[in-house]
């Protein structure tokens, strides 16, 4: 599994790789919570899940059907937690 994630990360564009890896490091350094849930707003194809040890849900406006993806507008988020 780790090798598969590494391979997926290596196939990212430089821009997305740097952005997601920096955000992943920030999340890791700012929180010690083990049961953290991450909502990546506007993060479609950002692949943040490759750089964190927590489940990631992506909210974006694109009409796609993928696991852990929610189609929606960040201006109208209905998120109870």
Protein backbone atom coordinates (compact mmCIF):
# COMPACT_ATOMS: atom_id res chain seq x y z
CA UNK A 1 0.00 0.00 0.00
CA UNK A 2 2.79 2.43 0.86
CA UNK A 3 4.56 1.67 -2.42
CA UNK A 4 1.31 2.30 -4.34
CA UNK A 5 0.82 5.67 -2.61
CA UNK A 6 4.44 6.60 -3.29
CA UNK A 7 4.02 5.75 -6.95
CA UNK A 8 0.82 7.84 -7.16
CA UNK A 9 2.59 10.77 -5.49
CA UNK A 10 5.50 10.55 -7.92
CA UNK A 11 3.07 10.85 -10.83
CA UNK A 12 1.65 14.18 -9.63
CA UNK A 13 2.61 17.45 -11.28
CA UNK A 14 5.29 19.38 -9.40
CA UNK A 15 2.78 22.06 -8.39
CA UNK A 16 0.27 19.62 -6.90
CA UNK A 17 2.99 17.48 -5.27
CA UNK A 18 4.56 20.47 -3.50
CA UNK A 19 1.22 21.98 -2.46
CA UNK A 20 -0.21 18.70 -1.08
CA UNK A 21 3.02 17.65 0.66
CA UNK A 22 3.40 21.05 2.38
CA UNK A 23 -0.24 21.02 3.50
CA UNK A 24 0.19 17.45 4.74
CA UNK A 25 3.26 18.44 6.77
CA UNK A 26 1.43 21.45 8.23
CA UNK A 27 -1.53 19.30 9.24
CA UNK A 28 0.83 16.80 10.85
CA UNK A 29 2.73 19.46 12.78
CA UNK A 30 -0.33 21.42 13.94
CA UNK A 31 -2.39 18.57 15.30
CA UNK A 32 -1.76 15.49 17.40
CA UNK A 33 -5.30 14.16 17.04
CA UNK A 34 -5.43 10.55 15.91
CA UNK A 35 -9.07 10.61 14.76
CA UNK A 36 -8.78 13.74 12.63
CA UNK A 37 -11.21 14.11 9.71
CA UNK A 38 -10.14 16.43 6.89
CA UNK A 39 -12.41 18.29 4.50
CA UNK A 40 -10.39 19.47 1.49
CA UNK A 41 -12.48 22.30 0.05
CA UNK A 42 -11.69 22.87 -3.62
CA UNK A 43 -9.22 20.00 -3.58
CA UNK A 44 -10.36 17.87 -6.51
CA UNK A 45 -7.32 16.08 -7.95
CA UNK A 46 -5.11 17.55 -5.23
CA UNK A 47 -4.42 14.09 -3.74
CA UNK A 48 -3.99 15.33 -0.17
CA UNK A 49 -4.87 11.83 1.05
CA UNK A 50 -1.43 10.65 -0.13
CA UNK A 51 0.28 12.96 2.36
CA UNK A 52 -1.77 12.58 5.56
CA UNK A 53 -2.65 9.67 7.84
CA UNK A 54 -6.28 10.73 8.24
CA UNK A 55 -9.34 10.24 6.05
CA UNK A 56 -9.88 13.05 3.54
CA UNK A 57 -13.18 14.09 1.98
CA UNK A 58 -12.99 16.45 -0.98
CA UNK A 59 -15.64 19.08 -1.68
CA UNK A 60 -15.53 20.67 -5.12
CA UNK A 61 -17.81 21.84 -7.91
CA UNK A 62 -16.90 19.25 -10.54
CA UNK A 63 -19.44 16.63 -11.60
CA UNK A 64 -17.54 13.42 -10.89
CA UNK A 65 -18.29 10.23 -9.02
CA UNK A 66 -15.33 9.22 -6.87
CA UNK A 67 -14.89 7.74 -3.43
CA UNK A 68 -14.71 10.40 -0.70
CA UNK A 69 -15.79 13.14 -3.12
CA UNK A 70 -18.71 15.49 -2.50
CA UNK A 71 -19.99 17.74 -5.25
CA UNK A 72 -20.84 21.10 -3.76
CA UNK A 73 -20.20 24.79 -3.53
CA UNK A 74 -17.92 26.04 -0.75
CA UNK A 75 -20.22 29.03 -0.29
CA UNK A 76 -23.06 26.72 0.81
CA UNK A 77 -21.45 24.05 2.96
CA UNK A 78 -23.84 22.11 5.19
CA UNK A 79 -21.38 20.33 7.45
CA UNK A 80 -22.62 19.36 10.92
CA UNK A 81 -19.16 18.48 12.26
